[in-house]
Structure formats: C-alpha cells, structure tokens
Protein backbone atom coordinates (compact mmCIF):
# COMPACT_ATOMS: atom_id res chain seq x y z
CA MET A 1 -0.50 -21.35 -4.80
CA LYS A 2 -1.03 -19.26 -7.71
CA ARG A 3 2.26 -17.13 -9.27
CA LYS A 4 1.95 -13.61 -10.88
CA ILE A 5 3.68 -11.80 -13.34
CA VAL A 6 4.00 -8.39 -12.67
CA PRO A 7 5.89 -5.83 -15.00
CA CYS A 8 7.35 -2.61 -13.82
CA LEU A 9 6.85 0.59 -15.04
CA ASP A 10 10.61 3.08 -14.00
CA TYR A 11 9.01 6.21 -13.94
CA GLU A 12 11.11 9.72 -14.85
CA ALA A 13 9.61 13.12 -15.98
CA GLY A 14 6.46 11.62 -17.74
CA ARG A 15 8.42 8.58 -19.67
CA VAL A 16 9.12 4.60 -18.58
CA VAL A 17 12.59 4.35 -18.30
CA LYS A 18 15.01 0.97 -18.15
CA GLY A 19 19.04 0.88 -17.59
CA ILE A 20 21.28 -1.66 -16.31
CA GLN A 21 21.76 -2.12 -12.54
CA PHE A 22 20.17 1.41 -11.97
CA GLN A 23 22.38 3.30 -14.86
CA ASN A 24 21.95 4.52 -18.11
CA LEU A 25 18.29 4.91 -18.32
CA GLN A 26 17.08 4.45 -21.69
CA ASP A 27 13.14 5.43 -22.64
CA GLN A 28 10.38 2.98 -23.09
CA GLY A 29 7.41 4.24 -23.83
CA ASP A 30 4.35 6.03 -22.36
CA PRO A 31 3.38 4.88 -19.11
CA VAL A 32 -0.59 4.60 -19.57
CA GLU A 33 -0.05 3.29 -23.25
CA LEU A 34 2.78 0.50 -21.71
CA ALA A 35 0.22 -0.21 -18.50
CA ARG A 36 -3.01 -1.05 -21.00
CA ARG A 37 -0.98 -3.09 -23.45
CA TYR A 38 0.49 -5.21 -20.27
CA ALA A 39 -2.97 -5.96 -18.26
CA ALA A 40 -4.22 -6.90 -22.00
CA ALA A 41 -1.49 -9.48 -22.43
CA GLY A 42 -2.28 -11.12 -19.40
CA ALA A 43 -0.37 -9.50 -16.60
CA ASP A 44 -1.45 -10.19 -13.16
CA GLU A 45 -0.28 -7.10 -11.71
CA LEU A 46 1.47 -3.50 -12.51
CA VAL A 47 4.32 -2.21 -10.21
CA PHE A 48 4.59 1.65 -11.08
CA LEU A 49 7.46 3.24 -9.81
CA ASP A 50 8.65 6.91 -9.98
CA ILE A 51 12.47 7.08 -9.42
CA THR A 52 13.63 10.44 -9.22
CA LYS A 53 10.73 11.13 -6.22
CA SER A 54 13.04 11.06 -3.15
CA ARG A 55 15.78 12.59 -4.74
CA ASP A 56 14.44 15.33 -6.03
CA GLY A 57 11.24 15.72 -4.34
CA HIS A 58 8.67 16.78 -7.03
CA PRO A 59 5.07 16.27 -6.51
CA PHE A 60 3.48 12.69 -6.65
CA ALA A 61 2.55 11.96 -10.70
CA LEU A 62 -0.95 11.59 -9.44
CA GLU A 63 -2.85 12.38 -13.02
CA THR A 64 -0.51 9.71 -14.32
CA ILE A 65 -1.77 6.76 -11.81
CA ARG A 66 -5.18 8.43 -12.61
CA ALA A 67 -4.71 7.24 -15.74
CA ILE A 68 -3.25 3.67 -15.13
CA ARG A 69 -5.73 3.10 -13.06
CA ALA A 70 -8.54 3.76 -15.45
CA ALA A 71 -7.06 2.00 -18.24
CA ILE A 72 -6.36 -1.22 -16.43
CA SER A 73 -8.38 -3.20 -13.66
CA ILE A 74 -5.02 -5.39 -12.82
CA PRO A 75 -4.13 -4.41 -9.15
CA LEU A 76 -1.34 -1.16 -9.20
CA ILE A 77 1.28 -0.84 -6.76
CA VAL A 78 3.23 2.50 -6.71
CA GLY A 79 6.28 3.32 -5.16
CA GLY A 80 8.95 6.04 -5.09
CA GLY A 81 8.87 9.12 -2.69
CA ILE A 82 6.18 7.93 -0.24
CA GLN A 83 7.23 9.27 3.18
CA SER A 84 4.16 9.33 5.11
CA LEU A 85 0.92 8.26 5.96
CA THR A 86 -0.47 11.27 4.09
CA ASP A 87 1.75 10.44 0.99
CA ALA A 88 0.16 6.85 1.16
CA ALA A 89 -3.32 8.60 1.02
CA ALA A 90 -2.71 10.68 -1.95
CA VAL A 91 -1.56 7.54 -3.66
CA LEU A 92 -3.95 5.22 -3.02
CA ASP A 93 -6.87 7.95 -3.47
CA ALA A 94 -5.31 8.30 -6.95
CA GLY A 95 -5.87 4.78 -7.53
CA ALA A 96 -3.50 2.44 -6.45
CA ASP A 97 -4.10 -0.67 -4.77
CA LYS A 98 -1.00 -0.88 -2.74
CA VAL A 99 1.85 1.91 -1.78
CA SER A 100 5.37 0.57 -1.64
CA ILE A 101 8.24 1.94 0.08
CA GLY A 102 11.93 1.80 0.38
CA SER A 103 13.97 4.10 2.57
CA ALA A 104 11.18 5.74 4.25
CA ALA A 105 10.95 2.35 6.19
CA LEU A 106 14.46 2.18 7.29
CA ARG A 107 14.69 5.64 8.09
CA ASN A 108 11.09 5.21 9.85
CA PRO A 109 10.62 1.47 10.36
CA ALA A 110 7.05 2.27 12.23
CA LEU A 111 5.44 3.82 9.13
CA ILE A 112 4.94 -0.18 8.24
CA THR A 113 2.81 -0.22 11.06
CA GLU A 114 1.23 3.10 10.51
CA ILE A 115 0.30 2.29 7.00
CA SER A 116 -0.74 -1.24 7.80
CA ARG A 117 -2.97 -0.11 10.70
CA GLN A 118 -4.51 3.09 8.83
CA PHE A 119 -5.04 1.35 5.25
CA GLY A 120 -5.00 -2.91 5.89
CA LYS A 121 -1.64 -4.88 5.93
CA GLU A 122 -2.53 -5.79 2.18
CA ARG A 123 -1.48 -2.46 0.86
CA VAL A 124 1.89 -2.49 2.22
CA VAL A 125 4.90 -3.12 0.10
CA VAL A 126 8.14 -2.84 1.41
CA ALA A 127 10.72 -2.32 -1.27
CA ILE A 128 14.19 -4.29 -0.50
CA ASP A 129 17.28 -3.60 -2.74
CA VAL A 130 19.59 -6.36 -1.54
CA GLY A 131 23.49 -7.00 -2.95
CA PRO A 132 26.63 -8.32 -1.92
CA ALA A 133 28.27 -6.76 1.12
CA PRO A 134 31.15 -4.13 0.31
CA ARG A 135 34.96 -4.71 0.74
CA PRO A 136 36.54 -3.30 3.50
CA ALA A 137 38.91 -0.97 2.61
CA THR A 138 42.24 -0.88 2.02
CA SER A 139 45.34 1.50 0.46
CA ALA A 140 45.01 -1.30 -2.05
CA ASN A 141 41.41 -1.43 -2.86
CA PRO A 142 40.28 2.36 -2.43
CA ALA A 143 37.44 1.98 -4.74
CA ALA A 144 36.12 0.36 -1.77
CA ASN A 145 34.66 3.29 -0.41
CA THR A 146 32.98 4.78 -3.35
CA ASP A 147 29.56 3.95 -4.73
CA SER A 148 28.86 3.20 -8.37
CA ARG A 149 28.77 6.29 -9.30
CA GLY A 150 32.62 7.20 -7.99
CA GLU A 151 30.86 9.12 -4.95
CA GLU A 152 32.76 8.96 -2.15
CA ASN A 153 31.32 7.61 0.79
CA SER A 154 32.69 8.37 3.70
CA SER A 155 31.50 6.19 6.53
CA GLY A 156 32.80 3.29 4.65
CA ALA A 157 29.50 2.16 3.64
CA GLY A 158 28.75 1.03 7.35
CA ASP A 159 26.87 4.07 8.57
CA VAL A 160 23.45 4.29 6.70
CA SER A 161 23.34 8.00 7.15
CA ALA A 162 25.88 8.29 4.58
CA ALA A 163 22.79 8.07 2.00
CA GLY A 164 21.71 10.76 2.26
CA ASP A 165 17.67 10.19 2.50
CA VAL A 166 17.93 8.68 5.59
CA SER A 167 20.37 10.87 7.75
CA ASP A 168 17.83 11.62 10.30
CA ALA A 169 17.81 7.98 11.20
CA GLY A 170 21.55 7.88 13.23
CA ASP A 171 23.34 4.76 12.28
CA VAL A 172 20.63 2.38 11.54
CA SER A 173 23.50 0.15 10.71
CA ASP A 174 24.47 -0.53 14.14
CA ALA A 175 22.15 -3.45 15.06
CA GLY A 176 20.18 -1.45 17.93
CA ASP A 177 16.57 -0.74 17.51
CA VAL A 178 15.55 0.37 14.08
CA SER A 179 12.01 0.69 14.73
CA GLY A 180 12.48 3.33 17.36
CA THR A 181 9.77 1.71 19.25
CA GLY A 182 11.69 -0.13 22.07
CA ASN A 183 9.48 -3.34 22.02
CA VAL A 184 10.97 -5.31 18.53
CA SER A 185 14.11 -6.73 18.04
CA GLY A 186 16.68 -4.96 16.42
CA VAL A 187 18.29 -5.36 13.03
CA ALA A 188 21.60 -7.67 12.34
CA ARG A 189 24.33 -6.82 10.91
CA ALA A 190 25.71 -8.54 8.07
CA SER A 191 28.29 -11.49 8.88
CA GLY A 192 30.83 -12.22 6.25
CA ALA A 193 29.66 -12.29 2.79
CA GLU A 194 25.98 -12.25 3.67
CA PRO A 195 24.07 -9.94 1.83
CA VAL A 196 23.18 -6.43 2.88
CA VAL A 197 20.28 -3.65 1.95
CA TYR A 198 21.40 -1.14 -0.28
CA LEU A 199 20.39 2.49 -0.57
CA GLY A 200 20.05 5.22 -3.19
CA GLY A 201 18.77 3.25 -6.37
CA GLY A 202 21.28 0.43 -5.63
CA THR A 203 23.95 2.73 -5.14
CA LYS A 204 25.05 2.66 -1.47
CA PRO A 205 25.31 -0.26 0.66
CA THR A 206 24.82 -0.60 4.55
CA GLN A 207 25.62 -3.24 6.64
CA ILE A 208 22.07 -4.10 7.47
CA SER A 209 21.68 -7.97 7.02
CA ALA A 210 18.86 -8.31 3.65
CA ARG A 211 17.71 -11.36 5.55
CA ALA A 212 17.51 -9.50 9.30
CA TRP A 213 15.56 -6.09 7.54
CA CYS A 214 13.19 -8.99 5.88
CA ARG A 215 12.15 -10.36 8.46
CA GLN A 216 11.83 -7.19 10.62
CA CYS A 217 9.09 -5.91 7.64
CA GLU A 218 7.48 -8.73 8.45
CA TYR A 219 7.17 -8.48 11.98
CA LEU A 220 6.15 -4.66 11.40
CA GLY A 221 3.26 -6.02 9.31
CA ALA A 222 4.41 -5.56 5.74
CA GLY A 223 1.94 -7.40 3.47
CA GLU A 224 4.66 -8.23 0.37
CA LEU A 225 8.30 -7.87 -0.18
CA LEU A 226 9.43 -6.48 -3.22
CA VAL A 227 13.00 -7.55 -3.13
CA THR A 228 15.40 -6.50 -6.02
CA SER A 229 19.04 -8.37 -6.05
CA ILE A 230 20.67 -5.14 -7.63
CA SER A 231 23.86 -7.75 -9.17
CA HIS A 232 21.32 -9.20 -11.31
CA ASP A 233 18.90 -5.75 -12.61
CA GLY A 234 18.94 -5.59 -16.01
CA THR A 235 21.66 -8.31 -17.14
CA LYS A 236 18.93 -10.67 -18.13
CA ASN A 237 20.97 -13.69 -16.51
CA GLY A 238 18.57 -14.85 -14.11
CA PHE A 239 16.88 -14.30 -10.48
CA ASP A 240 18.88 -14.25 -7.66
CA LEU A 241 17.99 -17.69 -6.54
CA GLU A 242 20.09 -18.80 -3.68
CA PHE A 243 18.75 -15.63 -1.52
CA LEU A 244 14.70 -15.50 -3.13
CA GLY A 245 15.08 -19.19 -2.17
CA GLN A 246 16.18 -18.63 1.18
CA ILE A 247 14.04 -15.80 2.36
CA SER A 248 11.17 -17.24 0.56
CA ARG A 249 11.27 -20.17 2.72
CA GLU A 250 11.89 -18.34 5.67
CA LEU A 251 9.39 -16.07 5.81
CA ALA A 252 5.69 -16.12 5.32
CA VAL A 253 4.71 -12.79 4.07
CA PRO A 254 4.53 -12.90 -0.21
CA ILE A 255 7.57 -11.73 -1.97
CA ILE A 256 7.89 -9.90 -5.55
CA ALA A 257 11.09 -11.41 -6.97
CA SER A 258 12.96 -8.47 -9.14
CA GLY A 259 16.23 -8.15 -11.06
CA GLY A 260 17.57 -10.67 -13.81
CA ALA A 261 14.65 -11.83 -15.54
CA GLY A 262 16.09 -12.38 -19.09
CA SER A 263 13.83 -15.52 -20.14
CA ILE A 264 10.74 -17.78 -19.87
CA ALA A 265 13.27 -20.33 -18.09
CA ASP A 266 14.34 -17.61 -15.65
CA PHE A 267 10.26 -17.63 -14.69
CA VAL A 268 10.33 -21.33 -14.36
CA ASP A 269 13.29 -21.83 -12.31
CA LEU A 270 11.85 -18.70 -9.92
CA PHE A 271 8.67 -20.51 -9.42
CA THR A 272 9.97 -24.28 -9.23
CA LYS A 273 13.27 -23.44 -7.11
CA THR A 274 11.86 -20.64 -4.86
CA GLN A 275 8.35 -20.08 -2.74
CA CYS A 276 8.00 -16.31 -4.24
CA GLN A 277 4.78 -15.48 -4.89
CA ALA A 278 5.41 -13.01 -7.72
CA GLY A 279 7.99 -12.77 -10.86
CA LEU A 280 8.77 -9.25 -11.69
CA GLY A 281 10.00 -7.95 -15.21
CA ALA A 282 10.82 -4.98 -16.79
CA SER A 283 12.81 -4.56 -20.50
CA VAL A 284 12.17 -8.19 -20.84
CA PHE A 285 8.71 -7.05 -21.40
CA HIS A 286 9.44 -3.22 -22.84
CA ASN A 287 11.58 -4.57 -25.75
CA GLY A 288 9.14 -7.79 -26.43
CA SER A 289 12.02 -10.43 -25.60
CA ILE A 290 9.26 -11.98 -23.46
CA ASP A 291 5.50 -12.01 -24.28
CA ILE A 292 3.84 -12.50 -21.25
CA ALA A 293 0.80 -14.50 -23.07
CA ALA A 294 3.43 -16.97 -24.05
CA LEU A 295 4.88 -16.85 -20.85
CA LYS A 296 1.95 -17.41 -18.72
CA ALA A 297 1.42 -20.53 -21.13
CA ALA A 298 4.73 -22.05 -20.79
CA LEU A 299 4.16 -21.85 -16.91
CA ALA A 300 0.82 -23.51 -18.07
CA GLN A 301 2.75 -26.02 -19.51
CA ALA A 302 5.21 -26.28 -16.49
CA GLY A 303 2.37 -26.95 -14.07
CA ILE A 304 2.86 -23.71 -12.24
CA GLU A 305 -0.76 -22.25 -12.12
CA THR A 306 -0.57 -17.91 -12.62
CA GLY A 307 -3.56 -15.55 -11.61
CA SER A 308 -4.75 -13.48 -8.94
CA GLU A 309 -6.00 -14.90 -5.68
CA PRO A 310 -8.64 -13.63 -3.81
CA ARG A 311 -7.71 -10.38 -1.52
CA ALA A 312 -7.31 -11.52 2.48
CA GLY A 313 -10.11 -10.91 4.10
CA LEU A 314 -12.42 -10.36 1.46
CA ARG A 315 -14.37 -13.56 0.87
CA PRO A 316 -17.11 -14.04 3.05
CA THR A 317 -17.65 -16.84 5.71
CA ARG A 318 -20.87 -17.80 3.36
CA GLU A 319 -20.76 -17.68 -0.42
CA PRO A 320 -23.45 -16.48 -2.64
CA ASP A 321 -25.61 -18.86 -4.26
CA PHE A 322 -25.79 -17.87 -7.82
CA SER A 323 -28.27 -19.91 -9.04
CA ARG A 324 -30.84 -18.04 -7.57
CA GLY A 325 -31.69 -14.73 -9.61
CA ASN A 326 -30.93 -15.77 -12.66
CA GLY A 327 -27.22 -15.95 -11.82
CA LEU A 328 -27.43 -12.51 -10.83
CA LEU A 329 -27.90 -10.98 -7.11
CA PRO A 330 -28.21 -7.54 -6.05
CA ALA A 331 -24.71 -6.14 -3.98
CA VAL A 332 -25.46 -3.16 -1.54
CA VAL A 333 -22.81 -0.78 -1.28
CA GLN A 334 -21.73 0.83 1.90
CA ASP A 335 -19.18 3.16 2.72
CA ASN A 336 -16.90 1.66 5.26
CA ARG A 337 -16.51 4.72 6.77
CA THR A 338 -19.94 6.53 7.27
CA ASN A 339 -22.39 3.36 7.08
CA GLU A 340 -24.03 5.29 4.13
CA VAL A 341 -25.41 2.97 1.39
CA LEU A 342 -23.91 4.59 -2.00
CA MET A 343 -25.49 2.45 -4.42
CA VAL A 344 -26.68 -1.10 -5.87
CA GLY A 345 -25.58 -3.01 -8.36
CA TYR A 346 -25.99 -6.81 -9.87
CA MET A 347 -22.99 -9.17 -9.22
CA ASN A 348 -22.66 -12.54 -11.13
CA ALA A 349 -20.22 -15.25 -10.49
CA GLU A 350 -17.42 -13.86 -12.85
CA SER A 351 -17.72 -10.32 -11.49
CA TYR A 352 -17.78 -11.66 -8.15
CA ARG A 353 -14.50 -13.21 -8.52
CA ARG A 354 -13.19 -10.33 -9.98
CA THR A 355 -14.40 -7.95 -7.01
CA LEU A 356 -12.76 -10.97 -4.76
CA ALA A 357 -9.59 -11.07 -7.20
CA GLU A 358 -8.42 -7.79 -7.82
CA GLY A 359 -10.17 -5.95 -4.52
CA ARG A 360 -12.45 -3.55 -6.26
CA CYS A 361 -16.04 -3.53 -7.27
CA TRP A 362 -17.40 -5.20 -10.43
CA PHE A 363 -20.82 -5.27 -11.79
CA TYR A 364 -23.03 -7.12 -14.35
CA SER A 365 -24.98 -4.85 -16.73
CA ARG A 366 -28.52 -5.49 -17.00
CA SER A 367 -28.93 -3.56 -20.24
CA ARG A 368 -25.61 -3.70 -21.76
CA GLN A 369 -25.33 -7.20 -21.09
CA THR A 370 -21.50 -6.99 -20.07
CA LEU A 371 -19.19 -7.01 -17.20
CA TRP A 372 -18.37 -3.68 -15.71
CA MET A 373 -16.17 -2.20 -13.15
CA LYS A 374 -17.24 0.94 -11.22
CA GLY A 375 -14.57 4.03 -11.73
CA GLU A 376 -12.78 2.64 -14.76
CA THR A 377 -13.73 5.59 -17.00
CA SER A 378 -14.33 8.17 -14.12
CA GLY A 379 -11.55 6.72 -11.46
CA ASN A 380 -14.14 6.62 -8.47
CA VAL A 381 -13.47 3.28 -8.33
CA LEU A 382 -14.58 1.26 -4.89
CA ARG A 383 -11.95 -0.26 -3.03
CA VAL A 384 -13.41 -3.48 -1.20
CA ARG A 385 -12.49 -3.54 2.52
CA SER A 386 -15.50 -6.24 3.34
CA ILE A 387 -18.21 -8.68 1.33
CA ALA A 388 -21.10 -10.16 3.64
CA VAL A 389 -23.45 -12.61 2.13
CA ASP A 390 -27.04 -12.15 3.84
CA CYS A 391 -29.15 -15.51 5.39
CA ASP A 392 -30.65 -16.64 1.99
CA ALA A 393 -27.18 -16.27 0.40
CA ASP A 394 -28.82 -14.05 -2.80
CA THR A 395 -27.76 -10.97 -1.50
CA LEU A 396 -24.20 -9.15 -1.16
CA LEU A 397 -23.25 -6.39 1.37
CA VAL A 398 -19.97 -4.80 -0.12
CA ARG A 399 -18.73 -2.21 2.11
CA VAL A 400 -16.14 0.17 0.18
CA GLU A 401 -13.67 2.96 0.01
CA ALA A 402 -14.76 5.52 -2.12
CA ALA A 403 -12.30 7.11 -4.48
CA GLY A 404 -15.08 9.17 -5.57
CA PRO A 405 -18.46 9.91 -5.99
CA ALA A 406 -20.43 6.63 -6.36
CA CYS A 407 -23.45 8.31 -8.71
CA HIS A 408 -22.86 8.88 -12.17
CA GLN A 409 -24.63 11.91 -11.28
CA GLY A 410 -21.74 13.34 -9.32
CA THR A 411 -23.39 12.78 -5.59
CA VAL A 412 -21.73 10.82 -3.30
CA SER A 413 -25.02 8.54 -3.04
CA CYS A 414 -27.50 7.39 -5.53
CA PHE A 415 -30.15 7.92 -2.77
CA GLU A 416 -31.66 10.81 -1.72
CA GLN A 417 -30.47 11.61 1.53
CA GLU A 418 -29.23 13.47 4.04
CA TYR A 419 -26.80 11.70 5.76
CA PHE A 420 -24.11 12.85 8.66
CA GLU A 421 -22.80 10.83 10.98
CA ILE A 422 -19.19 11.05 13.11
CA GLY A 423 -17.45 9.01 10.40
CA THR A 424 -18.38 11.62 7.98
CA LEU A 425 -16.67 14.26 9.83
CA GLU A 426 -13.66 11.78 9.68
CA GLU A 427 -13.86 11.22 6.29
CA THR A 428 -13.69 15.02 5.81
CA VAL A 429 -10.59 15.57 8.19
CA GLU A 430 -9.14 12.22 6.14
CA GLN A 431 -9.32 14.40 2.64
CA ARG A 432 -8.29 18.14 3.94
CA PHE A 433 -5.10 15.54 4.81
CA ALA A 434 -4.61 14.23 1.94
CA HIS A 435 -5.34 16.86 -0.24
CA PRO A 436 -4.91 20.09 1.36
CA ARG A 437 -6.69 23.32 0.11
CA GLU A 438 -5.91 26.56 0.10
CA GLY A 439 -7.63 28.23 2.86
CA SER A 440 -8.41 24.91 4.96
CA TYR A 441 -8.78 25.30 8.61
CA THR A 442 -7.23 21.89 8.73
CA GLN A 443 -4.67 22.88 6.17
CA TYR A 444 -3.49 25.48 8.27
CA LEU A 445 -3.80 23.58 11.51
CA VAL A 446 -1.64 20.59 10.14
CA SER A 447 1.03 23.20 8.92
CA GLU A 448 1.30 24.67 12.36
CA GLY A 449 2.09 20.77 13.49
CA LEU A 450 1.16 19.53 16.77
CA ASP A 451 1.78 22.01 19.52
CA LYS A 452 -0.96 24.48 17.58
CA ILE A 453 -3.19 21.24 16.85
CA LEU A 454 -2.73 20.72 21.31
CA LYS A 455 -3.14 24.17 21.78
CA LYS A 456 -6.55 24.58 20.17
CA PHE A 457 -8.35 21.15 21.36
CA GLY A 458 -7.10 22.64 24.70
CA GLU A 459 -8.66 25.80 23.91
CA GLU A 460 -11.87 23.89 22.73
CA SER A 461 -11.61 21.56 25.71
CA THR A 462 -12.61 24.57 28.12
CA GLU A 463 -15.01 26.06 25.99
CA VAL A 464 -16.97 22.93 27.02
CA ILE A 465 -16.27 23.62 30.54
CA LEU A 466 -17.11 26.95 30.93
CA ALA A 467 -20.40 26.35 28.70
CA ALA A 468 -21.73 23.40 31.27
CA LYS A 469 -20.61 25.06 34.41
CA ASN A 470 -22.40 28.57 33.08
CA GLN A 471 -25.63 25.62 32.07
CA ASN A 472 -25.45 27.28 28.64
CA ARG A 473 -26.97 24.33 26.85
CA ALA A 474 -26.78 26.21 23.32
CA GLU A 475 -22.99 26.74 24.24
CA LEU A 476 -22.12 23.24 25.23
CA VAL A 477 -23.73 21.71 22.05
CA ASN A 478 -21.28 24.29 19.86
CA GLU A 479 -18.64 23.91 21.92
CA THR A 480 -19.00 20.06 22.27
CA ALA A 481 -18.86 19.93 18.49
CA ASP A 482 -15.74 21.76 18.03
CA VAL A 483 -14.03 19.71 20.29
CA LEU A 484 -14.97 16.73 18.41
CA TYR A 485 -13.51 18.31 15.15
CA HIS A 486 -10.23 19.04 16.89
CA LEU A 487 -9.75 15.67 18.35
CA LEU A 488 -10.21 13.96 14.97
CA VAL A 489 -7.63 16.73 13.75
CA LEU A 490 -5.55 15.66 16.26
CA LEU A 491 -6.33 11.55 15.97
CA ARG A 492 -5.35 12.15 12.25
CA TYR A 493 -1.87 14.11 12.84
CA GLN A 494 -1.04 11.19 15.12
CA GLY A 495 -1.67 7.97 13.15
CA VAL A 496 -5.04 7.27 14.90
CA ASP A 497 -8.32 6.60 13.47
CA LEU A 498 -11.91 6.03 14.97
CA ALA A 499 -11.69 2.18 14.06
CA ALA A 500 -8.94 2.42 16.77
CA ILE A 501 -11.22 3.83 19.17
CA TYR A 502 -14.42 1.78 18.43
CA ALA A 503 -12.08 -1.39 18.85
CA GLU A 504 -10.95 -0.17 22.24
CA LEU A 505 -14.73 0.55 23.26
CA ALA A 506 -16.03 -2.66 22.07
CA ASN A 507 -13.06 -4.51 23.80
CA ARG A 508 -14.07 -2.85 27.00
CA HIS A 509 -17.29 -3.14 26.44
CA GLY A 510 -17.38 -7.16 25.98
CA THR A 511 -14.93 -7.65 29.26
CA LYS A 512 -16.03 -9.49 31.96
CA GLN A 513 -15.15 -7.01 34.60
CA GLN A 514 -17.88 -4.46 32.84
CA PHE A 515 -20.15 -6.76 32.25
CA GLN A 516 -19.90 -7.38 36.06
CA LYS A 517 -20.50 -3.15 36.12
CA ARG A 518 -23.56 -3.29 33.87
CA ARG A 519 -25.54 -6.20 36.18
CA ASP A 520 -24.54 -4.34 39.60
CA ILE A 521 -25.81 -1.15 38.03
CA THR A 522 -29.08 -3.21 36.85
CA GLN A 523 -29.61 -4.70 40.42
CA TRP A 524 -29.63 -0.85 41.57
C-alpha cells in the first residue's frame, strides 16, 4: 500500500490559520500560494478546511477553491459547512475531488450514503474529531461540565444536541439508530475511558464511541475517514498511535491520520505502527520544520512507498498498448451523463498514469511536446468516472464529469452538433440546484419546497391524462415534456438520479421473469 503525505490548510477569512488544539489561531499565509508550494514539494493530496463556515454560515469560498484547483494537480479534499447534496455539488463543481463532512454526518448519517450514491464513494470523506471521554461532573470537579473555552455544557457532555450544530438530531449519544433509516445498527455509547467523538471544532465531547462511529461511517458509504486526535492536535508530540492503530486494523476504509505531527520520525512511526494510508500535517509544513521532499526521501529510505494509487474503479479491464502509435493513443472524452462526445485528446503512458492516479484528464500535447491537464488554466477540469480500452488496445474511451465547457472556444463540445437527450435535461436541473440563479423556475420550485414540487408534478400529470383523453397529440407531447421536467426536479430534490432509475430498469429487464414475459409476447 502506498502512503500519502497530506498538508492541511485551515482556512478563515481568506487566510490559512493554525493553532494548538483548535485555539489561539495564528496567520500562516495565502491559501493558493501554500497549495502551490506543497504540490510542487511533492505532497500527494491537499485538505482545505473552512473552519468557521459551520459556525457563521458564510458563503462557500468557491473562488478560493477554484484558484487552488487551477494552481495544483494533486487531489483536493474540501470540508467545512457541507450540509447537503447541493453543498457537496457546489464544492465539487468548484474543483474539489472529494468532500469532507463532519457534524453534518452525525446530524444526518444518511447524508454519507446520499453523497456516496450521487457522486461516488471515493468522493466522500467523513471527518471525525476524537478525544478522551469527559470526566463525570462532581461537586469537586465542576469543570467537567464546561468545554475547553469555559462555556457551560448543560448536558454534562452526554447530549450531543448541546453542541448546537446538531441539535435537531435529538440525543444522538443515545445508543439508538443514528442513521434515522431504521435498517442499520446503532452507534454505541463509549464505555469507561474509551475515546469519544467531539463536536464544535473539537471542544464539545459526546458520549458516542469513536470506534463505533468510525465503523458506522464505513457501513454508510464513506470512502475515507479523516481522524483527528484533538488531544494531540498542534502539540507536535506524535500521532495517537494507539487509537489509530486499532481502527486502521479494524476497518477496510482508508484512514487519514491527523493531530500531533512534529517530526519526520512521527510519520515513520505512523506508517510502520498503524495501517493508516495517509498522514496529515499543518503547522510543521507551514513553518518549514518539516520539508515534504525530505520527508518523502526519509520514508523511502525506511522502505515506505508514497504516492497516489489509481482511483478506485478507474483502471480498465484491458490495459492500453502504448507501444503503438509512437507511444501516443487517442482518448475519446464522453460526458458521463449525456453520452455527448466532448473532445479527443492524446495520452502517453505518463499522462495515462496521472489520469488514473488523480482522477482528472491528463493529455500529451503533440505541438508543445509536454503533458497538460485539461482545465489547469481555465478551471474546466474533466473528472474521470470510468476508462475503457477498445479491442485493439490502441484507443481509450474516457467518461467524465465536466466542470465547464470542454472546448477552448467556450462550447460544451469540440464537435459542432445539436445534442439533447434526457440526461441533458437532468444535467441542467442539477446545475440549477448546485448554482441557484435569480429568476430560474427550478430555483423557485426548490425554494417553495417539496409540497410545491409535488403539486406541480400532479398538475402536469393530470394535463397529460387530459391531453390523451382528448386525443390531442400536440398537447400530449407538450405536457409530457413538462411532466419529465418536473419529475427530474422531484427526483433531484429527493437525491435520486437517472442512473438509479436506469439501474432498476436494467435489473428488471434482465430477470428471468421478464425474459419469460418477453418470450411469451413473442410467441403471441
């Protein structure tokens, strides 16, 4: 297993900040410049956390995310204030490769599953702050009922609702079913001195077992866990090897370890004494006490291989043969939702490797004789969902999600064509959800809520029935188009995409029962 070195940018009001155990934050520099510096030094991935978004509800720093995306080619994880599918879509559209959710996952564990199904498991990181169980309050120990800032915790740290940002979850610390779905196991209370989950930026302890919550997140569809040991955070005394070693052995999901990095030896210990895939650092990289290039050299000397593995599900079943075509193979790029052909580029072995590792399209420029990443200047990156190789192994089909126009002339496709199918309409609806626009009818429906959406869907369905009853073909076509649009809005509002519908239809089409019906009909 390759291990990863992951710098973290804690972001507040346009700057990168860092403190000790989430307190006494100090300015560390410009986020874009730091991101560029770390990527050039050899970082394998980057985390960007807006640490005050959940607290004050300010808009997402989408322009900063876009600027970071344009400055680096390594994978980017973005977290802070992501509360819904719409939030996740906005952040991913801005250039994030993965989204990180924390307290929102505790408030609504189903959100983990929803984002995983909508965007892919590999894009979901659940951030978990872990710390010691609070001491029971006594008359001799009144401080046990206050958090690290001296604020009163009236629940005695037992009721997660005291954290404020998860109040509508009820008492999640109760060993009930935190998923709200009724079909997954509950999250157990911590017993004895077992580590617990913390909220409120690591200041508010709960009674939720940290181990149990990690297991629950894996079950619900998390692709990675970002585990921060708050008692170690910023201390530079080393990672929490005991807890990290325990959960990394128990879980199959990759663990990003955070909190305590102070020396190169700490990273060596992390990777030799636990099965964590990645080690995160912040101030040690910001202040230069650890040089990333020197760290990776030391890890290599210790026999620890670093770097990005190919993204899950991207490597095709047949490998391309780069001995053909002078080492350059054409790559046909197709929209994953609409099936529209967007462009054709050329890949060599190195651009193919980077495409697999980073999940974004890299090509080789025949005119400039160099590698280039689509969107590195425009921001219109192509996020790869799958790669297929043809029967001769000399052409690639790359299915992508496009962050913007694929053509340098500003059009969706490099090919002159009028293209529309139901997926095109779904993509338009998705864009309206992710980027609300004043005057948009879709935005009006969303703002009015589910009842309004259902009412309109019912009205349009009735219009279809009346048009059919009256045998008015033009009206039937017109009203059916309205029904399809309103159905897509309803599905998107409920977190269901056409891919799920296609999968269900394909499943029905392929069953033995359906085959029997088709055969019977043929005989008729």
